[in-house]
Amino acid sequence: MPAFTKSENTTQQMKTALIITDMQKGFMNKHTRKLIHRIKNLLDINLFNQVIFTKFVNSPHSHYVNLLGYQKLQKSPETEIVDELEPYAQITFKKEGYGPFVDGLERFLKRKKITHLYFVGVDTNACILKGVVDAFDRGYIPLVLGYYCGSHSGAEFHHFALKNLQKLIGKKQIIKRKLRQGRLAKVA
């Protein structure tokens, strides 16, 4: 079933959360900086019941270090949410892996009766992909707001992930355009 149908009054039935994935200083580069302004504008139109940030913190003994040789995001300032979005990060879940479903997140979502999870941030090809598929497997309605996602490795990784996600969770669950105020129920 698609996330929204024109015949239903879905804005009354669904409870939404915007999952802002890893918008941290250590992930910002020429491919991802544009997302800061886009996500700030999305937050300013106030479309979601809840706004949740995730924050990746690497550790010296992680698989990222030992298997991938990835040494970044172990300490401040790399681990900090970007300054422009920090005021919005009232609810933040720290994670040590790709996925957002860490201790407390699922309890929070169930307590708030959230049904639809909208994913934005970085990296589309890693943390967002993992979070979206995990949400799908847990019974949430996942949606990816592609205009508000990116990969610090480049556009080709972002576009490949969106195409892959269409197969994994459904084509109608990937929204590639910019959202406007009052338009959440008409995205699909």
N, C-alpha and C. Protein backbone atom coordinates (compact mmCIF):
# COMPACT_ATOMS: atom_id res chain seq x y z
N MET A 1 0.85 -1.18 0.00
CA MET A 1 0.00 0.00 0.00
C MET A 1 0.89 1.24 0.00
N PRO A 2 0.63 2.23 -0.86
CA PRO A 2 1.45 3.43 -0.87
C PRO A 2 1.30 4.21 0.43
N ALA A 3 2.27 5.07 0.69
CA ALA A 3 2.25 5.84 1.93
C ALA A 3 1.03 6.74 2.03
N PHE A 4 0.55 7.24 0.91
CA PHE A 4 -0.60 8.14 0.91
C PHE A 4 -1.50 7.79 -0.27
N THR A 5 -2.79 7.87 -0.06
CA THR A 5 -3.72 7.75 -1.17
C THR A 5 -4.62 8.95 -1.15
N LYS A 6 -5.06 9.37 -2.30
CA LYS A 6 -5.87 10.57 -2.40
C LYS A 6 -7.24 10.42 -1.75
N SER A 7 -7.72 9.18 -1.60
CA SER A 7 -9.05 8.99 -1.04
C SER A 7 -9.09 8.98 0.48
N GLU A 8 -7.94 8.89 1.12
CA GLU A 8 -7.90 8.84 2.58
C GLU A 8 -7.50 10.19 3.16
N ASN A 9 -7.96 10.44 4.34
CA ASN A 9 -7.53 11.63 5.07
C ASN A 9 -6.33 11.22 5.91
N THR A 10 -5.19 11.01 5.26
CA THR A 10 -4.03 10.44 5.93
C THR A 10 -3.38 11.38 6.92
N THR A 11 -3.56 12.67 6.77
CA THR A 11 -2.93 13.56 7.74
C THR A 11 -3.50 13.36 9.12
N GLN A 12 -4.74 12.88 9.24
CA GLN A 12 -5.34 12.59 10.54
C GLN A 12 -4.87 11.23 11.07
N GLN A 13 -4.54 10.28 10.18
CA GLN A 13 -4.23 8.93 10.59
C GLN A 13 -2.76 8.72 10.91
N MET A 14 -1.88 9.44 10.25
CA MET A 14 -0.46 9.15 10.42
C MET A 14 0.19 10.09 11.43
N LYS A 15 1.19 9.54 12.10
CA LYS A 15 2.04 10.34 12.99
C LYS A 15 3.43 10.24 12.40
N THR A 16 4.07 11.39 12.21
CA THR A 16 5.30 11.45 11.44
C THR A 16 6.51 11.83 12.30
N ALA A 17 7.65 11.32 11.87
CA ALA A 17 8.93 11.74 12.44
C ALA A 17 9.90 11.97 11.30
N LEU A 18 10.60 13.07 11.39
CA LEU A 18 11.70 13.36 10.47
C LEU A 18 12.97 12.87 11.13
N ILE A 19 13.65 11.93 10.47
CA ILE A 19 14.91 11.39 10.98
C ILE A 19 16.04 12.10 10.23
N ILE A 20 16.74 12.97 10.93
CA ILE A 20 17.85 13.72 10.34
C ILE A 20 19.13 12.97 10.68
N THR A 21 19.67 12.34 9.66
CA THR A 21 20.76 11.39 9.83
C THR A 21 22.13 12.04 9.69
N ASP A 22 22.88 12.04 10.76
CA ASP A 22 24.32 12.34 10.78
C ASP A 22 24.74 13.65 10.11
N MET A 23 23.99 14.69 10.34
CA MET A 23 24.37 16.01 9.81
C MET A 23 25.42 16.62 10.74
N GLN A 24 26.60 16.04 10.66
CA GLN A 24 27.70 16.37 11.55
C GLN A 24 28.84 17.02 10.79
N LYS A 25 29.62 17.81 11.51
CA LYS A 25 30.72 18.56 10.89
C LYS A 25 31.69 17.66 10.14
N GLY A 26 31.95 16.47 10.65
CA GLY A 26 32.89 15.56 10.01
C GLY A 26 32.41 14.95 8.70
N PHE A 27 31.12 15.06 8.40
CA PHE A 27 30.58 14.55 7.14
C PHE A 27 30.36 15.64 6.10
N MET A 28 30.64 16.88 6.44
CA MET A 28 30.38 17.97 5.52
C MET A 28 31.55 18.17 4.57
N ASN A 29 31.22 18.27 3.28
CA ASN A 29 32.19 18.57 2.24
C ASN A 29 31.46 19.17 1.04
N LYS A 30 32.11 19.25 -0.10
CA LYS A 30 31.50 19.90 -1.27
C LYS A 30 30.23 19.18 -1.74
N HIS A 31 30.07 17.93 -1.41
CA HIS A 31 28.89 17.17 -1.82
C HIS A 31 27.72 17.28 -0.85
N THR A 32 27.99 17.64 0.39
CA THR A 32 26.95 17.59 1.42
C THR A 32 26.59 18.94 2.04
N ARG A 33 27.41 19.95 1.88
CA ARG A 33 27.14 21.25 2.52
C ARG A 33 25.79 21.84 2.11
N LYS A 34 25.39 21.61 0.86
CA LYS A 34 24.11 22.15 0.38
C LYS A 34 22.92 21.63 1.19
N LEU A 35 23.09 20.47 1.83
CA LEU A 35 22.00 19.88 2.60
C LEU A 35 21.68 20.68 3.85
N ILE A 36 22.64 21.39 4.40
CA ILE A 36 22.41 22.16 5.62
C ILE A 36 21.27 23.15 5.40
N HIS A 37 21.38 23.96 4.36
CA HIS A 37 20.36 24.97 4.06
C HIS A 37 19.03 24.30 3.70
N ARG A 38 19.08 23.25 2.93
CA ARG A 38 17.84 22.55 2.52
C ARG A 38 17.11 22.00 3.74
N ILE A 39 17.84 21.34 4.63
CA ILE A 39 17.20 20.74 5.80
C ILE A 39 16.71 21.82 6.76
N LYS A 40 17.46 22.89 6.91
CA LYS A 40 17.01 24.00 7.76
C LYS A 40 15.68 24.55 7.23
N ASN A 41 15.59 24.75 5.94
CA ASN A 41 14.33 25.23 5.35
C ASN A 41 13.19 24.24 5.56
N LEU A 42 13.48 22.95 5.46
CA LEU A 42 12.47 21.92 5.70
C LEU A 42 11.99 21.98 7.15
N LEU A 43 12.91 22.14 8.08
CA LEU A 43 12.54 22.25 9.49
C LEU A 43 11.70 23.49 9.75
N ASP A 44 12.00 24.57 9.07
CA ASP A 44 11.29 25.83 9.29
C ASP A 44 9.84 25.79 8.84
N ILE A 45 9.48 24.86 7.94
CA ILE A 45 8.07 24.79 7.52
C ILE A 45 7.25 23.85 8.42
N ASN A 46 7.92 23.18 9.36
CA ASN A 46 7.24 22.49 10.46
C ASN A 46 6.16 21.50 9.99
N LEU A 47 6.58 20.49 9.24
CA LEU A 47 5.64 19.51 8.69
C LEU A 47 5.49 18.24 9.53
N PHE A 48 6.37 18.02 10.49
CA PHE A 48 6.47 16.72 11.14
C PHE A 48 6.07 16.79 12.61
N ASN A 49 5.48 15.69 13.11
CA ASN A 49 5.12 15.61 14.53
C ASN A 49 6.35 15.59 15.43
N GLN A 50 7.40 14.92 14.99
CA GLN A 50 8.64 14.82 15.76
C GLN A 50 9.83 15.03 14.83
N VAL A 51 10.89 15.60 15.37
CA VAL A 51 12.16 15.75 14.66
C VAL A 51 13.22 15.06 15.50
N ILE A 52 13.90 14.10 14.88
CA ILE A 52 14.89 13.28 15.57
C ILE A 52 16.20 13.35 14.80
N PHE A 53 17.27 13.64 15.50
CA PHE A 53 18.61 13.64 14.92
C PHE A 53 19.34 12.36 15.33
N THR A 54 20.18 11.85 14.44
CA THR A 54 21.13 10.81 14.83
C THR A 54 22.52 11.40 14.71
N LYS A 55 23.40 10.85 15.51
CA LYS A 55 24.77 11.36 15.59
C LYS A 55 25.71 10.16 15.68
N PHE A 56 26.52 9.96 14.66
CA PHE A 56 27.47 8.85 14.62
C PHE A 56 28.73 9.24 15.39
N VAL A 57 29.14 8.33 16.29
CA VAL A 57 30.40 8.51 17.01
C VAL A 57 31.21 7.22 16.84
N ASN A 58 32.33 7.35 16.18
CA ASN A 58 33.24 6.23 15.93
C ASN A 58 34.06 5.97 17.19
N SER A 59 34.52 4.75 17.36
CA SER A 59 35.39 4.45 18.50
C SER A 59 36.68 3.81 17.99
N PRO A 60 37.74 3.93 18.76
CA PRO A 60 39.05 3.42 18.31
C PRO A 60 39.07 1.93 18.00
N HIS A 61 38.16 1.16 18.58
CA HIS A 61 38.16 -0.30 18.39
C HIS A 61 37.00 -0.78 17.51
N SER A 62 36.39 0.12 16.76
CA SER A 62 35.24 -0.24 15.93
C SER A 62 35.67 -0.96 14.66
N HIS A 63 34.69 -1.56 14.00
CA HIS A 63 34.96 -2.14 12.67
C HIS A 63 35.31 -1.06 11.66
N TYR A 64 34.81 0.14 11.86
CA TYR A 64 35.14 1.24 10.94
C TYR A 64 36.64 1.48 10.96
N VAL A 65 37.24 1.43 12.13
CA VAL A 65 38.68 1.62 12.27
C VAL A 65 39.42 0.36 11.85
N ASN A 66 39.03 -0.78 12.40
CA ASN A 66 39.79 -2.02 12.20
C ASN A 66 39.63 -2.66 10.83
N LEU A 67 38.43 -2.59 10.24
CA LEU A 67 38.21 -3.23 8.95
C LEU A 67 38.26 -2.26 7.78
N LEU A 68 37.79 -1.04 8.01
CA LEU A 68 37.73 -0.06 6.92
C LEU A 68 38.85 0.98 6.97
N GLY A 69 39.55 1.05 8.07
CA GLY A 69 40.60 2.06 8.21
C GLY A 69 40.05 3.47 8.34
N TYR A 70 38.78 3.59 8.73
CA TYR A 70 38.12 4.90 8.86
C TYR A 70 38.33 5.44 10.27
N GLN A 71 39.16 6.47 10.38
CA GLN A 71 39.56 7.02 11.68
C GLN A 71 38.74 8.23 12.11
N LYS A 72 37.95 8.79 11.22
CA LYS A 72 37.25 10.05 11.50
C LYS A 72 36.08 9.86 12.47
N LEU A 73 35.52 11.00 12.89
CA LEU A 73 34.33 11.08 13.75
C LEU A 73 34.48 10.34 15.07
N GLN A 74 35.66 10.47 15.68
CA GLN A 74 35.88 9.89 17.01
C GLN A 74 35.73 10.92 18.12
N LYS A 75 35.85 12.22 17.77
CA LYS A 75 35.76 13.25 18.81
C LYS A 75 35.32 14.58 18.20
N SER A 76 35.03 15.51 19.07
CA SER A 76 34.65 16.86 18.68
C SER A 76 35.85 17.55 18.03
N PRO A 77 35.66 18.40 17.06
CA PRO A 77 34.40 18.94 16.55
C PRO A 77 33.74 18.10 15.45
N GLU A 78 34.43 17.05 14.95
CA GLU A 78 33.87 16.25 13.86
C GLU A 78 32.52 15.62 14.21
N THR A 79 32.32 15.24 15.45
CA THR A 79 31.09 14.54 15.85
C THR A 79 29.92 15.50 16.11
N GLU A 80 30.17 16.79 16.16
CA GLU A 80 29.11 17.75 16.48
C GLU A 80 28.14 17.94 15.32
N ILE A 81 26.88 18.14 15.65
CA ILE A 81 25.87 18.52 14.65
C ILE A 81 26.28 19.87 14.09
N VAL A 82 26.09 20.08 12.79
CA VAL A 82 26.48 21.36 12.19
C VAL A 82 25.77 22.52 12.90
N ASP A 83 26.45 23.63 13.01
CA ASP A 83 25.97 24.77 13.80
C ASP A 83 24.57 25.23 13.40
N GLU A 84 24.29 25.27 12.11
CA GLU A 84 23.01 25.77 11.62
C GLU A 84 21.82 24.90 12.04
N LEU A 85 22.07 23.62 12.26
CA LEU A 85 21.00 22.69 12.64
C LEU A 85 20.99 22.35 14.13
N GLU A 86 22.04 22.67 14.84
CA GLU A 86 22.14 22.34 16.26
C GLU A 86 20.94 22.83 17.08
N PRO A 87 20.42 24.05 16.84
CA PRO A 87 19.26 24.48 17.64
C PRO A 87 18.02 23.60 17.49
N TYR A 88 17.93 22.85 16.41
CA TYR A 88 16.78 21.98 16.16
C TYR A 88 16.97 20.59 16.77
N ALA A 89 18.18 20.28 17.21
CA ALA A 89 18.54 18.93 17.66
C ALA A 89 18.16 18.71 19.12
N GLN A 90 16.89 18.90 19.42
CA GLN A 90 16.41 18.71 20.79
C GLN A 90 16.32 17.24 21.17
N ILE A 91 16.09 16.38 20.17
CA ILE A 91 16.04 14.94 20.39
C ILE A 91 17.12 14.32 19.51
N THR A 92 18.16 13.79 20.15
CA THR A 92 19.31 13.25 19.42
C THR A 92 19.67 11.88 19.99
N PHE A 93 19.85 10.93 19.08
CA PHE A 93 20.27 9.60 19.47
C PHE A 93 21.67 9.34 18.93
N LYS A 94 22.58 9.02 19.84
CA LYS A 94 23.96 8.68 19.47
C LYS A 94 23.99 7.24 18.99
N LYS A 95 24.75 7.02 17.92
CA LYS A 95 24.87 5.66 17.40
C LYS A 95 26.33 5.37 17.07
N GLU A 96 26.68 4.10 17.12
CA GLU A 96 28.04 3.68 16.82
C GLU A 96 28.11 2.83 15.57
N GLY A 97 27.02 2.79 14.82
CA GLY A 97 26.95 2.01 13.60
C GLY A 97 26.16 2.74 12.55
N TYR A 98 25.85 2.06 11.46
CA TYR A 98 25.13 2.67 10.35
C TYR A 98 23.68 3.01 10.68
N GLY A 99 22.99 2.11 11.38
CA GLY A 99 21.55 2.25 11.58
C GLY A 99 21.15 3.13 12.75
N PRO A 100 19.95 3.71 12.67
CA PRO A 100 19.48 4.60 13.73
C PRO A 100 18.79 3.91 14.90
N PHE A 101 18.47 2.62 14.77
CA PHE A 101 17.67 1.96 15.80
C PHE A 101 18.54 1.52 16.97
N VAL A 102 18.97 2.50 17.74
CA VAL A 102 19.76 2.28 18.95
C VAL A 102 18.83 2.25 20.15
N ASP A 103 19.39 1.92 21.31
CA ASP A 103 18.59 1.90 22.54
C ASP A 103 17.80 3.19 22.68
N GLY A 104 16.54 3.04 22.89
CA GLY A 104 15.69 4.20 23.15
C GLY A 104 14.93 4.72 21.96
N LEU A 105 15.45 4.61 20.76
CA LEU A 105 14.76 5.19 19.60
C LEU A 105 13.42 4.50 19.35
N GLU A 106 13.42 3.19 19.29
CA GLU A 106 12.17 2.50 19.00
C GLU A 106 11.14 2.70 20.12
N ARG A 107 11.59 2.71 21.38
CA ARG A 107 10.66 3.01 22.49
C ARG A 107 10.06 4.40 22.32
N PHE A 108 10.89 5.36 21.94
CA PHE A 108 10.41 6.73 21.72
C PHE A 108 9.36 6.76 20.61
N LEU A 109 9.64 6.11 19.49
CA LEU A 109 8.71 6.09 18.36
C LEU A 109 7.38 5.44 18.74
N LYS A 110 7.44 4.35 19.46
CA LYS A 110 6.20 3.66 19.89
C LYS A 110 5.42 4.51 20.88
N ARG A 111 6.11 5.14 21.83
CA ARG A 111 5.43 5.99 22.82
C ARG A 111 4.71 7.16 22.14
N LYS A 112 5.31 7.70 21.08
CA LYS A 112 4.72 8.82 20.35
C LYS A 112 3.76 8.35 19.25
N LYS A 113 3.61 7.01 19.10
CA LYS A 113 2.72 6.41 18.10
C LYS A 113 3.07 6.83 16.66
N ILE A 114 4.36 6.92 16.40
CA ILE A 114 4.85 7.29 15.07
C ILE A 114 4.62 6.14 14.10
N THR A 115 4.09 6.44 12.93
CA THR A 115 3.84 5.43 11.90
C THR A 115 4.71 5.64 10.65
N HIS A 116 5.04 6.90 10.36
CA HIS A 116 5.77 7.24 9.14
C HIS A 116 7.09 7.92 9.49
N LEU A 117 8.19 7.37 8.94
CA LEU A 117 9.52 7.92 9.17
C LEU A 117 10.06 8.49 7.87
N TYR A 118 10.38 9.77 7.90
CA TYR A 118 10.93 10.49 6.74
C TYR A 118 12.42 10.67 6.99
N PHE A 119 13.24 10.17 6.08
CA PHE A 119 14.69 10.18 6.26
C PHE A 119 15.35 11.26 5.40
N VAL A 120 16.27 12.02 6.01
CA VAL A 120 17.09 13.01 5.33
C VAL A 120 18.48 12.96 5.94
N GLY A 121 19.46 13.58 5.26
CA GLY A 121 20.81 13.68 5.81
C GLY A 121 21.85 12.95 4.98
N VAL A 122 22.87 12.42 5.66
CA VAL A 122 23.98 11.74 5.01
C VAL A 122 24.22 10.38 5.68
N ASP A 123 24.74 9.49 5.03
CA ASP A 123 24.97 9.27 3.62
C ASP A 123 23.85 8.41 3.07
N THR A 124 23.32 8.79 1.92
CA THR A 124 22.21 8.05 1.32
C THR A 124 22.60 6.59 1.11
N ASN A 125 23.83 6.36 0.71
CA ASN A 125 24.30 5.02 0.37
C ASN A 125 24.74 4.19 1.57
N ALA A 126 24.68 4.72 2.75
CA ALA A 126 25.12 3.97 3.93
C ALA A 126 24.09 4.09 5.05
N CYS A 127 24.20 5.11 5.87
CA CYS A 127 23.36 5.22 7.07
C CYS A 127 21.88 5.41 6.74
N ILE A 128 21.57 6.18 5.72
CA ILE A 128 20.16 6.36 5.36
C ILE A 128 19.60 5.06 4.80
N LEU A 129 20.33 4.42 3.89
CA LEU A 129 19.87 3.15 3.33
C LEU A 129 19.62 2.13 4.45
N LYS A 130 20.55 2.00 5.37
CA LYS A 130 20.41 1.05 6.49
C LYS A 130 19.21 1.42 7.36
N GLY A 131 19.06 2.69 7.68
CA GLY A 131 17.94 3.11 8.53
C GLY A 131 16.59 2.90 7.88
N VAL A 132 16.50 3.18 6.60
CA VAL A 132 15.25 3.03 5.86
C VAL A 132 14.84 1.56 5.80
N VAL A 133 15.77 0.69 5.47
CA VAL A 133 15.47 -0.74 5.39
C VAL A 133 15.13 -1.29 6.77
N ASP A 134 15.83 -0.85 7.79
CA ASP A 134 15.50 -1.28 9.15
C ASP A 134 14.08 -0.82 9.54
N ALA A 135 13.73 0.41 9.19
CA ALA A 135 12.38 0.92 9.48
C ALA A 135 11.33 0.08 8.76
N PHE A 136 11.57 -0.22 7.50
CA PHE A 136 10.68 -1.07 6.71
C PHE A 136 10.48 -2.42 7.40
N ASP A 137 11.60 -3.05 7.80
CA ASP A 137 11.54 -4.36 8.45
C ASP A 137 10.82 -4.32 9.80
N ARG A 138 10.83 -3.18 10.46
CA ARG A 138 10.19 -3.04 11.77
C ARG A 138 8.72 -2.63 11.66
N GLY A 139 8.22 -2.45 10.44
CA GLY A 139 6.81 -2.16 10.26
C GLY A 139 6.44 -0.69 10.15
N TYR A 140 7.42 0.20 10.14
CA TYR A 140 7.14 1.62 9.92
C TYR A 140 6.99 1.87 8.42
N ILE A 141 6.36 2.96 8.05
CA ILE A 141 6.30 3.38 6.65
C ILE A 141 7.49 4.32 6.44
N PRO A 142 8.54 3.84 5.76
CA PRO A 142 9.71 4.69 5.54
C PRO A 142 9.57 5.48 4.24
N LEU A 143 9.98 6.72 4.30
CA LEU A 143 10.03 7.57 3.11
C LEU A 143 11.37 8.27 3.08
N VAL A 144 11.94 8.38 1.90
CA VAL A 144 13.22 9.05 1.73
C VAL A 144 12.98 10.35 0.98
N LEU A 145 13.39 11.45 1.58
CA LEU A 145 13.27 12.76 0.94
C LEU A 145 14.59 13.04 0.23
N GLY A 146 14.67 12.57 -1.01
CA GLY A 146 15.92 12.58 -1.76
C GLY A 146 16.57 13.93 -1.94
N TYR A 147 15.77 14.99 -2.07
CA TYR A 147 16.29 16.35 -2.23
C TYR A 147 17.08 16.78 -0.99
N TYR A 148 16.80 16.16 0.14
CA TYR A 148 17.41 16.53 1.42
C TYR A 148 18.44 15.49 1.89
N CYS A 149 18.87 14.63 0.98
CA CYS A 149 19.87 13.60 1.28
C CYS A 149 21.08 13.78 0.36
N GLY A 150 22.18 13.18 0.75
CA GLY A 150 23.37 13.20 -0.08
C GLY A 150 24.42 12.25 0.46
N SER A 151 25.49 12.14 -0.30
CA SER A 151 26.61 11.31 0.10
C SER A 151 27.89 12.12 0.05
N HIS A 152 28.68 12.05 1.10
CA HIS A 152 29.94 12.79 1.08
C HIS A 152 30.93 12.18 0.09
N SER A 153 30.60 11.00 -0.44
CA SER A 153 31.43 10.37 -1.47
C SER A 153 31.06 10.81 -2.88
N GLY A 154 29.96 11.55 -3.04
CA GLY A 154 29.59 12.07 -4.35
C GLY A 154 28.20 11.69 -4.79
N ALA A 155 27.73 12.39 -5.81
CA ALA A 155 26.36 12.24 -6.32
C ALA A 155 26.07 10.84 -6.84
N GLU A 156 27.06 10.19 -7.44
CA GLU A 156 26.81 8.85 -8.00
C GLU A 156 26.42 7.86 -6.90
N PHE A 157 26.99 7.99 -5.73
CA PHE A 157 26.64 7.11 -4.60
C PHE A 157 25.21 7.41 -4.13
N HIS A 158 24.88 8.68 -4.07
CA HIS A 158 23.53 9.12 -3.67
C HIS A 158 22.48 8.57 -4.64
N HIS A 159 22.71 8.75 -5.94
CA HIS A 159 21.73 8.32 -6.95
C HIS A 159 21.60 6.80 -7.00
N PHE A 160 22.71 6.09 -6.86
CA PHE A 160 22.65 4.64 -6.83
C PHE A 160 21.82 4.16 -5.64
N ALA A 161 22.02 4.77 -4.49
CA ALA A 161 21.28 4.37 -3.29
C ALA A 161 19.78 4.62 -3.45
N LEU A 162 19.41 5.76 -4.04
CA LEU A 162 17.98 6.04 -4.26
C LEU A 162 17.36 5.00 -5.19
N LYS A 163 18.09 4.65 -6.22
CA LYS A 163 17.59 3.63 -7.16
C LYS A 163 17.47 2.27 -6.45
N ASN A 164 18.44 1.92 -5.66
CA ASN A 164 18.39 0.67 -4.91
C ASN A 164 17.23 0.68 -3.92
N LEU A 165 17.02 1.79 -3.24
CA LEU A 165 15.92 1.89 -2.27
C LEU A 165 14.55 1.76 -2.94
N GLN A 166 14.43 2.20 -4.18
CA GLN A 166 13.15 2.02 -4.90
C GLN A 166 12.80 0.54 -4.98
N LYS A 167 13.79 -0.31 -5.20
CA LYS A 167 13.56 -1.76 -5.26
C LYS A 167 13.28 -2.34 -3.88
N LEU A 168 13.94 -1.80 -2.87
CA LEU A 168 13.85 -2.36 -1.52
C LEU A 168 12.57 -1.98 -0.78
N ILE A 169 12.10 -0.73 -0.95
CA ILE A 169 10.94 -0.28 -0.17
C ILE A 169 9.80 0.25 -1.03
N GLY A 170 10.01 0.37 -2.34
CA GLY A 170 8.96 0.83 -3.24
C GLY A 170 9.25 2.20 -3.83
N LYS A 171 8.96 2.32 -5.09
CA LYS A 171 9.24 3.55 -5.82
C LYS A 171 8.52 4.77 -5.22
N LYS A 172 7.28 4.57 -4.75
CA LYS A 172 6.51 5.70 -4.21
C LYS A 172 7.04 6.18 -2.86
N GLN A 173 7.95 5.42 -2.26
CA GLN A 173 8.51 5.82 -0.97
C GLN A 173 9.71 6.75 -1.11
N ILE A 174 10.12 7.01 -2.34
CA ILE A 174 11.26 7.90 -2.60
C ILE A 174 10.71 9.19 -3.19
N ILE A 175 10.83 10.27 -2.46
CA ILE A 175 10.33 11.58 -2.91
C ILE A 175 11.56 12.42 -3.25
N LYS A 176 11.69 12.77 -4.51
CA LYS A 176 12.91 13.45 -4.96
C LYS A 176 12.80 14.96 -4.97
N ARG A 177 11.60 15.49 -4.85
CA ARG A 177 11.44 16.93 -4.97
C ARG A 177 11.43 17.64 -3.61
N LYS A 178 11.58 18.93 -3.67
CA LYS A 178 11.52 19.79 -2.50
C LYS A 178 10.09 19.81 -1.96
N LEU A 179 9.94 19.78 -0.64
CA LEU A 179 8.61 19.86 -0.03
C LEU A 179 8.25 21.31 0.26
N ARG A 180 6.95 21.57 0.25
CA ARG A 180 6.45 22.91 0.56
C ARG A 180 5.54 22.85 1.77
N GLN A 181 5.34 23.98 2.39
CA GLN A 181 4.48 24.06 3.57
C GLN A 181 3.10 23.50 3.25
N GLY A 182 2.60 22.67 4.15
CA GLY A 182 1.26 22.11 4.01
C GLY A 182 1.15 21.03 2.97
N ARG A 183 2.26 20.52 2.43
CA ARG A 183 2.21 19.57 1.32
C ARG A 183 2.60 18.14 1.70
N LEU A 184 2.77 17.85 2.96
CA LEU A 184 3.25 16.53 3.36
C LEU A 184 2.31 15.41 2.91
N ALA A 185 1.02 15.59 3.01
CA ALA A 185 0.08 14.52 2.66
C ALA A 185 -0.03 14.28 1.16
N LYS A 186 0.63 15.07 0.35
CA LYS A 186 0.52 14.92 -1.10
C LYS A 186 1.85 14.56 -1.75
N VAL A 187 2.79 14.03 -0.99
CA VAL A 187 4.10 13.76 -1.56
C VAL A 187 4.13 12.53 -2.45
N ALA A 188 3.30 11.56 -2.24
CA ALA A 188 3.37 10.33 -3.04
C ALA A 188 2.55 10.45 -4.31
